C-alpha atoms as a PDB file:
ATOM      1  CA  UNK A   1     -41.031  17.066 -31.964  1.00  0.00           C
ATOM      2  CA  UNK A   2     -41.755  19.326 -29.007  1.00  0.00           C
ATOM      3  CA  UNK A   3     -41.459  23.050 -29.527  1.00  0.00           C
ATOM      4  CA  UNK A   4     -42.019  25.735 -26.894  1.00  0.00           C
ATOM      5  CA  UNK A   5     -44.248  24.591 -24.011  1.00  0.00           C
ATOM      6  CA  UNK A   6     -47.070  26.736 -22.742  1.00  0.00           C
ATOM      7  CA  UNK A   7     -45.684  30.070 -21.588  1.00  0.00           C
ATOM      8  CA  UNK A   8     -47.430  29.822 -18.212  1.00  0.00           C
ATOM      9  CA  UNK A   9     -44.680  28.273 -16.093  1.00  0.00           C
ATOM     10  CA  UNK A  10     -47.123  27.038 -13.453  1.00  0.00           C
ATOM     11  CA  UNK A  11     -49.375  25.295 -15.972  1.00  0.00           C
ATOM     12  CA  UNK A  12     -49.343  21.545 -16.550  1.00  0.00           C
ATOM     13  CA  UNK A  13     -50.615  22.122 -20.078  1.00  0.00           C
ATOM     14  CA  UNK A  14     -48.060  20.350 -22.334  1.00  0.00           C
ATOM     15  CA  UNK A  15     -49.224  22.047 -25.541  1.00  0.00           C
ATOM     16  CA  UNK A  16     -47.958  25.238 -27.132  1.00  0.00           C
ATOM     17  CA  UNK A  17     -49.689  28.545 -26.550  1.00  0.00           C
ATOM     18  CA  UNK A  18     -50.554  28.709 -30.256  1.00  0.00           C
ATOM     19  CA  UNK A  19     -52.496  25.428 -30.279  1.00  0.00           C
ATOM     20  CA  UNK A  20     -54.326  26.324 -27.053  1.00  0.00           C
ATOM     21  CA  UNK A  21     -55.310  29.820 -28.216  1.00  0.00           C
ATOM     22  CA  UNK A  22     -56.617  28.527 -31.531  1.00  0.00           C
ATOM     23  CA  UNK A  23     -58.833  25.937 -29.821  1.00  0.00           C
ATOM     24  CA  UNK A  24     -60.119  28.458 -27.262  1.00  0.00           C
ATOM     25  CA  UNK A  25     -61.033  30.903 -30.049  1.00  0.00           C
ATOM     26  CA  UNK A  26     -63.236  28.244 -31.645  1.00  0.00           C
ATOM     27  CA  UNK A  27     -65.119  27.465 -28.393  1.00  0.00           C
ATOM     28  CA  UNK A  28     -67.138  29.275 -25.736  1.00  0.00           C
ATOM     29  CA  UNK A  29     -64.509  28.783 -23.015  1.00  0.00           C
ATOM     30  CA  UNK A  30     -61.659  31.187 -22.290  1.00  0.00           C
ATOM     31  CA  UNK A  31     -57.985  30.597 -22.908  1.00  0.00           C
ATOM     32  CA  UNK A  32     -57.268  30.375 -19.163  1.00  0.00           C
ATOM     33  CA  UNK A  33     -60.070  27.861 -18.647  1.00  0.00           C
ATOM     34  CA  UNK A  34     -58.786  25.707 -21.500  1.00  0.00           C
ATOM     35  CA  UNK A  35     -55.189  26.016 -20.307  1.00  0.00           C
ATOM     36  CA  UNK A  36     -56.244  24.752 -16.867  1.00  0.00           C
ATOM     37  CA  UNK A  37     -58.358  21.949 -18.366  1.00  0.00           C
ATOM     38  CA  UNK A  38     -55.475  20.825 -20.599  1.00  0.00           C
ATOM     39  CA  UNK A  39     -53.205  20.671 -17.552  1.00  0.00           C
ATOM     40  CA  UNK A  40     -55.661  18.521 -15.591  1.00  0.00           C
ATOM     41  CA  UNK A  41     -56.232  16.357 -18.673  1.00  0.00           C
ATOM     42  CA  UNK A  42     -52.468  15.902 -19.055  1.00  0.00           C
ATOM     43  CA  UNK A  43     -52.145  14.736 -15.453  1.00  0.00           C
ATOM     44  CA  UNK A  44     -54.965  12.199 -15.867  1.00  0.00           C
ATOM     45  CA  UNK A  45     -53.414  10.705 -19.006  1.00  0.00           C
ATOM     46  CA  UNK A  46     -49.908  10.853 -17.573  1.00  0.00           C
ATOM     47  CA  UNK A  47     -50.988   8.718 -14.619  1.00  0.00           C
ATOM     48  CA  UNK A  48     -52.162   6.011 -17.042  1.00  0.00           C
ATOM     49  CA  UNK A  49     -49.182   6.109 -19.400  1.00  0.00           C
ATOM     50  CA  UNK A  50     -47.937   2.625 -18.502  1.00  0.00           C
ATOM     51  CA  UNK A  51     -51.363   1.178 -19.250  1.00  0.00           C
ATOM     52  CA  UNK A  52     -51.620   2.987 -22.592  1.00  0.00           C
ATOM     53  CA  UNK A  53     -48.199   1.734 -23.679  1.00  0.00           C
ATOM     54  CA  UNK A  54     -48.898  -1.835 -22.606  1.00  0.00           C
ATOM     55  CA  UNK A  55     -52.219  -2.004 -24.430  1.00  0.00           C
ATOM     56  CA  UNK A  56     -50.766  -0.383 -27.554  1.00  0.00           C
ATOM     57  CA  UNK A  57     -47.664  -2.551 -27.836  1.00  0.00           C
ATOM     58  CA  UNK A  58     -48.987  -6.009 -26.990  1.00  0.00           C
ATOM     59  CA  UNK A  59     -50.383  -8.219 -29.739  1.00  0.00           C
ATOM     60  CA  UNK A  60     -54.152  -7.749 -29.925  1.00  0.00           C
ATOM     61  CA  UNK A  61     -53.972  -4.413 -28.144  1.00  0.00           C
ATOM     62  CA  UNK A  62     -55.165  -1.024 -29.255  1.00  0.00           C
ATOM     63  CA  UNK A  63     -52.199  -0.399 -31.630  1.00  0.00           C
ATOM     64  CA  UNK A  64     -52.780   3.330 -31.183  1.00  0.00           C
ATOM     65  CA  UNK A  65     -49.242   4.375 -30.325  1.00  0.00           C
ATOM     66  CA  UNK A  66     -48.233   7.037 -32.838  1.00  0.00           C
ATOM     67  CA  UNK A  67     -45.020   9.041 -32.511  1.00  0.00           C
ATOM     68  CA  UNK A  68     -42.762  10.011 -29.646  1.00  0.00           C
ATOM     69  CA  UNK A  69     -39.560  11.798 -28.764  1.00  0.00           C
ATOM     70  CA  UNK A  70     -37.662  12.522 -25.568  1.00  0.00           C
ATOM     71  CA  UNK A  71     -40.371  14.885 -24.286  1.00  0.00           C
ATOM     72  CA  UNK A  72     -43.544  12.878 -24.773  1.00  0.00           C
ATOM     73  CA  UNK A  73     -45.751  10.713 -26.961  1.00  0.00           C
ATOM     74  CA  UNK A  74     -48.843  10.994 -29.129  1.00  0.00           C
ATOM     75  CA  UNK A  75     -51.514   8.311 -28.809  1.00  0.00           C
ATOM     76  CA  UNK A  76     -54.592   8.079 -31.015  1.00  0.00           C
ATOM     77  CA  UNK A  77     -57.888   7.735 -29.138  1.00  0.00           C
ATOM     78  CA  UNK A  78     -61.530   7.714 -30.185  1.00  0.00           C
ATOM     79  CA  UNK A  79     -62.795  10.875 -28.421  1.00  0.00           C
ATOM     80  CA  UNK A  80     -66.132   9.501 -27.095  1.00  0.00           C
ATOM     81  CA  UNK A  81     -64.368   6.428 -25.702  1.00  0.00           C
ATOM     82  CA  UNK A  82     -61.659   8.529 -24.090  1.00  0.00           C
ATOM     83  CA  UNK A  83     -64.288  10.897 -22.667  1.00  0.00           C
ATOM     84  CA  UNK A  84     -66.063   7.952 -21.005  1.00  0.00           C
ATOM     85  CA  UNK A  85     -62.853   6.359 -19.695  1.00  0.00           C
ATOM     86  CA  UNK A  86     -62.417   6.432 -15.926  1.00  0.00           C
ATOM     87  CA  UNK A  87     -59.442   8.834 -15.665  1.00  0.00           C
ATOM     88  CA  UNK A  88     -61.127  11.451 -17.887  1.00  0.00           C
ATOM     89  CA  UNK A  89     -64.642  10.885 -16.533  1.00  0.00           C
ATOM     90  CA  UNK A  90     -63.397  11.719 -13.042  1.00  0.00           C
ATOM     91  CA  UNK A  91     -62.407  15.200 -14.258  1.00  0.00           C
ATOM     92  CA  UNK A  92     -66.102  15.967 -14.900  1.00  0.00           C
ATOM     93  CA  UNK A  93     -65.494  18.047 -18.030  1.00  0.00           C
ATOM     94  CA  UNK A  94     -68.557  19.126 -19.967  1.00  0.00           C
ATOM     95  CA  UNK A  95     -68.614  18.121 -23.639  1.00  0.00           C
ATOM     96  CA  UNK A  96     -67.653  21.584 -24.864  1.00  0.00           C
ATOM     97  CA  UNK A  97     -64.523  21.634 -22.714  1.00  0.00           C
ATOM     98  CA  UNK A  98     -63.551  18.145 -23.823  1.00  0.00           C
ATOM     99  CA  UNK A  99     -64.124  19.035 -27.480  1.00  0.00           C
ATOM    100  CA  UNK A 100     -61.864  22.076 -27.040  1.00  0.00           C
ATOM    101  CA  UNK A 101     -59.220  19.820 -25.474  1.00  0.00           C
ATOM    102  CA  UNK A 102     -59.449  17.493 -28.477  1.00  0.00           C
ATOM    103  CA  UNK A 103     -59.161  20.433 -30.881  1.00  0.00           C
ATOM    104  CA  UNK A 104     -56.079  21.756 -29.057  1.00  0.00           C
ATOM    105  CA  UNK A 105     -54.321  18.389 -29.328  1.00  0.00           C
ATOM    106  CA  UNK A 106     -55.285  18.152 -32.997  1.00  0.00           C
ATOM    107  CA  UNK A 107     -53.885  21.654 -33.497  1.00  0.00           C
ATOM    108  CA  UNK A 108     -50.655  20.592 -31.813  1.00  0.00           C
ATOM    109  CA  UNK A 109     -50.278  17.618 -34.135  1.00  0.00           C
ATOM    110  CA  UNK A 110     -50.761  19.940 -37.102  1.00  0.00           C
ATOM    111  CA  UNK A 111     -48.129  22.351 -35.747  1.00  0.00           C
ATOM    112  CA  UNK A 112     -45.729  19.425 -35.469  1.00  0.00           C
ATOM    113  CA  UNK A 113     -46.752  18.511 -39.041  1.00  0.00           C
ATOM    114  CA  UNK A 114     -48.529  15.202 -38.776  1.00  0.00           C
ATOM    115  CA  UNK A 115     -52.070  13.848 -38.722  1.00  0.00           C
ATOM    116  CA  UNK A 116     -53.801  10.503 -38.171  1.00  0.00           C
ATOM    117  CA  UNK A 117     -54.504   9.105 -41.629  1.00  0.00           C
ATOM    118  CA  UNK A 118     -56.328   5.841 -42.220  1.00  0.00           C
ATOM    119  CA  UNK A 119     -56.989   3.735 -45.337  1.00  0.00           C
ATOM    120  CA  UNK A 120     -60.423   4.581 -46.760  1.00  0.00           C
ATOM    121  CA  UNK A 121     -61.901   1.124 -46.245  1.00  0.00           C
ATOM    122  CA  UNK A 122     -60.782   1.056 -42.632  1.00  0.00           C
ATOM    123  CA  UNK A 123     -62.043   4.566 -41.911  1.00  0.00           C
ATOM    124  CA  UNK A 124     -65.461   3.865 -43.470  1.00  0.00           C
ATOM    125  CA  UNK A 125     -66.005   1.003 -41.008  1.00  0.00           C
ATOM    126  CA  UNK A 126     -65.586   3.257 -37.966  1.00  0.00           C
ATOM    127  CA  UNK A 127     -68.457   4.913 -36.145  1.00  0.00           C
ATOM    128  CA  UNK A 128     -66.010   7.431 -34.680  1.00  0.00           C
ATOM    129  CA  UNK A 129     -62.606   8.502 -35.863  1.00  0.00           C
ATOM    130  CA  UNK A 130     -59.275   8.527 -34.056  1.00  0.00           C
ATOM    131  CA  UNK A 131     -57.656  11.777 -32.937  1.00  0.00           C
ATOM    132  CA  UNK A 132     -54.100  12.380 -31.689  1.00  0.00           C
ATOM    133  CA  UNK A 133     -53.538  13.284 -28.029  1.00  0.00           C
ATOM    134  CA  UNK A 134     -50.136  14.286 -26.690  1.00  0.00           C
ATOM    135  CA  UNK A 135     -48.888  13.084 -23.294  1.00  0.00           C
ATOM    136  CA  UNK A 136     -45.742  14.660 -21.909  1.00  0.00           C
ATOM    137  CA  UNK A 137     -43.463  12.223 -20.105  1.00  0.00           C
ATOM    138  CA  UNK A 138     -43.311  12.884 -16.347  1.00  0.00           C
ATOM    139  CA  UNK A 139     -39.857  13.358 -14.847  1.00  0.00           C
ATOM    140  CA  UNK A 140     -39.783   9.892 -13.276  1.00  0.00           C
ATOM    141  CA  UNK A 141     -40.521   8.348 -16.703  1.00  0.00           C
ATOM    142  CA  UNK A 142     -37.536  10.071 -18.303  1.00  0.00           C
ATOM    143  CA  UNK A 143     -35.386   9.069 -15.328  1.00  0.00           C
ATOM    144  CA  UNK A 144     -36.448   5.441 -15.788  1.00  0.00           C
ATOM    145  CA  UNK A 145     -35.528   5.521 -19.484  1.00  0.00           C
ATOM    146  CA  UNK A 146     -32.109   6.928 -18.609  1.00  0.00           C
ATOM    147  CA  UNK A 147     -31.595   4.284 -15.937  1.00  0.00           C
ATOM    148  CA  UNK A 148     -32.534   1.544 -18.423  1.00  0.00           C
ATOM    149  CA  UNK A 149     -29.893   2.823 -20.856  1.00  0.00           C
ATOM    150  CA  UNK A 150     -27.271   2.905 -18.099  1.00  0.00           C
ATOM    151  CA  UNK A 151     -28.174  -0.660 -17.098  1.00  0.00           C
ATOM    152  CA  UNK A 152     -27.748  -1.903 -20.663  1.00  0.00           C
ATOM    153  CA  UNK A 153     -24.389  -0.093 -20.976  1.00  0.00           C
ATOM    154  CA  UNK A 154     -23.220  -1.752 -17.741  1.00  0.00           C
ATOM    155  CA  UNK A 155     -24.150  -5.215 -19.003  1.00  0.00           C
ATOM    156  CA  UNK A 156     -22.614  -4.663 -22.449  1.00  0.00           C
ATOM    157  CA  UNK A 157     -19.377  -3.517 -20.824  1.00  0.00           C
ATOM    158  CA  UNK A 158     -19.163  -6.955 -19.197  1.00  0.00           C
ATOM    159  CA  UNK A 159     -18.760  -8.451 -22.660  1.00  0.00           C
ATOM    160  CA  UNK A 160     -22.364  -9.571 -23.125  1.00  0.00           C
ATOM    161  CA  UNK A 161     -23.887  -9.738 -26.566  1.00  0.00           C
ATOM    162  CA  UNK A 162     -26.922  -7.462 -27.035  1.00  0.00           C
ATOM    163  CA  UNK A 163     -29.185 -10.523 -26.820  1.00  0.00           C
ATOM    164  CA  UNK A 164     -27.612 -11.713 -23.566  1.00  0.00           C
ATOM    165  CA  UNK A 165     -27.842  -8.247 -22.050  1.00  0.00           C
ATOM    166  CA  UNK A 166     -31.468  -7.871 -23.088  1.00  0.00           C
ATOM    167  CA  UNK A 167     -32.611 -11.226 -21.706  1.00  0.00           C
ATOM    168  CA  UNK A 168     -30.711 -10.763 -18.441  1.00  0.00           C
ATOM    169  CA  UNK A 169     -32.060  -7.221 -18.062  1.00  0.00           C
ATOM    170  CA  UNK A 170     -35.643  -8.332 -18.695  1.00  0.00           C
ATOM    171  CA  UNK A 171     -35.582 -11.442 -16.526  1.00  0.00           C
ATOM    172  CA  UNK A 172     -33.313 -10.562 -13.617  1.00  0.00           C
ATOM    173  CA  UNK A 173     -32.755  -6.884 -12.969  1.00  0.00           C
ATOM    174  CA  UNK A 174     -34.770  -4.511 -10.862  1.00  0.00           C
ATOM    175  CA  UNK A 175     -38.428  -4.308  -9.883  1.00  0.00           C
ATOM    176  CA  UNK A 176     -39.473  -4.680 -13.528  1.00  0.00           C
ATOM    177  CA  UNK A 177     -37.910  -8.148 -13.901  1.00  0.00           C
ATOM    178  CA  UNK A 178     -40.079 -10.899 -15.347  1.00  0.00           C
ATOM    179  CA  UNK A 179     -40.318 -13.573 -12.682  1.00  0.00           C
ATOM    180  CA  UNK A 180     -43.628 -15.339 -13.258  1.00  0.00           C
ATOM    181  CA  UNK A 181     -43.982 -18.155 -15.794  1.00  0.00           C
ATOM    182  CA  UNK A 182     -46.672 -16.178 -17.603  1.00  0.00           C
ATOM    183  CA  UNK A 183     -44.418 -13.161 -18.032  1.00  0.00           C
ATOM    184  CA  UNK A 184     -41.491 -15.301 -19.157  1.00  0.00           C
ATOM    185  CA  UNK A 185     -43.761 -16.933 -21.744  1.00  0.00           C
ATOM    186  CA  UNK A 186     -44.828 -13.508 -22.979  1.00  0.00           C
ATOM    187  CA  UNK A 187     -41.195 -12.434 -23.168  1.00  0.00           C
ATOM    188  CA  UNK A 188     -39.864 -15.331 -25.229  1.00  0.00           C
ATOM    189  CA  UNK A 189     -42.948 -15.239 -27.468  1.00  0.00           C
ATOM    190  CA  UNK A 190     -42.293 -11.564 -28.152  1.00  0.00           C
ATOM    191  CA  UNK A 191     -38.658 -12.395 -28.898  1.00  0.00           C
ATOM    192  CA  UNK A 192     -39.761 -15.113 -31.343  1.00  0.00           C
ATOM    193  CA  UNK A 193     -37.718 -17.870 -29.670  1.00  0.00           C
ATOM    194  CA  UNK A 194     -38.499 -20.724 -27.305  1.00  0.00           C
ATOM    195  CA  UNK A 195     -38.138 -20.584 -23.535  1.00  0.00           C
ATOM    196  CA  UNK A 196     -34.883 -22.550 -23.458  1.00  0.00           C
ATOM    197  CA  UNK A 197     -33.203 -20.087 -25.839  1.00  0.00           C
ATOM    198  CA  UNK A 198     -34.030 -17.247 -23.452  1.00  0.00           C
ATOM    199  CA  UNK A 199     -32.742 -19.176 -20.440  1.00  0.00           C
ATOM    200  CA  UNK A 200     -29.563 -20.087 -22.336  1.00  0.00           C
ATOM    201  CA  UNK A 201     -28.642 -16.470 -23.071  1.00  0.00           C
ATOM    202  CA  UNK A 202     -29.553 -15.588 -19.490  1.00  0.00           C
ATOM    203  CA  UNK A 203     -27.111 -18.242 -18.176  1.00  0.00           C
ATOM    204  CA  UNK A 204     -24.404 -16.986 -20.509  1.00  0.00           C
ATOM    205  CA  UNK A 205     -24.961 -13.455 -19.224  1.00  0.00           C
ATOM    206  CA  UNK A 206     -24.648 -14.608 -15.600  1.00  0.00           C
ATOM    207  CA  UNK A 207     -21.409 -16.423 -16.439  1.00  0.00           C
ATOM    208  CA  UNK A 208     -19.947 -13.230 -17.869  1.00  0.00           C
ATOM    209  CA  UNK A 209     -20.982 -11.256 -14.821  1.00  0.00           C
ATOM    210  CA  UNK A 210     -19.170 -13.820 -12.674  1.00  0.00           C
ATOM    211  CA  UNK A 211     -15.991 -13.753 -14.787  1.00  0.00           C
ATOM    212  CA  UNK A 212     -12.952 -12.536 -12.817  1.00  0.00           C
ATOM    213  CA  UNK A 213     -12.037 -10.182 -15.668  1.00  0.00           C
ATOM    214  CA  UNK A 214     -15.473  -8.559 -15.416  1.00  0.00           C
ATOM    215  CA  UNK A 215     -15.523  -7.969 -11.687  1.00  0.00           C
ATOM    216  CA  UNK A 216     -16.978  -4.628 -10.570  1.00  0.00           C
ATOM    217  CA  UNK A 217     -14.568  -1.948  -9.386  1.00  0.00           C
ATOM    218  CA  UNK A 218     -15.257  -2.421  -5.672  1.00  0.00           C
ATOM    219  CA  UNK A 219     -14.290  -6.102  -5.893  1.00  0.00           C
ATOM    220  CA  UNK A 220     -11.107  -5.298  -7.791  1.00  0.00           C
ATOM    221  CA  UNK A 221     -10.119  -2.949  -4.962  1.00  0.00           C
ATOM    222  CA  UNK A 222     -10.997  -5.544  -2.302  1.00  0.00           C
ATOM    223  CA  UNK A 223     -13.768  -3.322  -0.938  1.00  0.00           C
ATOM    224  CA  UNK A 224     -16.217  -5.452   1.009  1.00  0.00           C
ATOM    225  CA  UNK A 225     -19.924  -4.821   1.410  1.00  0.00           C
ATOM    226  CA  UNK A 226     -21.178  -5.844   4.834  1.00  0.00           C
ATOM    227  CA  UNK A 227     -24.274  -5.595   6.980  1.00  0.00           C
ATOM    228  CA  UNK A 228     -24.796  -2.385   8.923  1.00  0.00           C
ATOM    229  CA  UNK A 229     -25.460  -2.987  12.611  1.00  0.00           C
END
């Protein structure tokens, strides 16, 4: 999806120069002012990316997650609601600057050849329409995705089925593991199975991790891990 980023290497603006220039030409603010505003806007949205994903993907949430690739993601927001939201409100943009920001993101979607299209009956019921906004993934986000893939590869190489690896990864591994009863309930409900089915595959995964034929390399070589004193 992503083409050339803004040519200003020091800018946080994730959009192309073309989309930014076009929006600036249609407003009373300069290109440099809009470029700076788009960078600050990006940082504000980037800091709330986890929240946007959670609300979009959970049942009953906003369902405004659009398209993504390895560089970033487009979400659809109602501009007045986004303008009043805490992370954007703290930037203290005037309405003209925010409108130019919205236009630049809309331009970027058009450059990448998509738009937000809604059924007529649904659109007629809205007071305000949805517009696409692009959020570039921060480096730590991409690193986390890569780590998640490595973790799944590690578990699959121990002979786990994809289901066993997924349940073990979600329930037991790392700081993102689901430990509370509420989170476990959400997990098995999302999977469409009962709690016992999830715990069964989790037990099977642990058994495979404990299998002598699946021992990690350091155990095979009789390398011991001890306390450092």
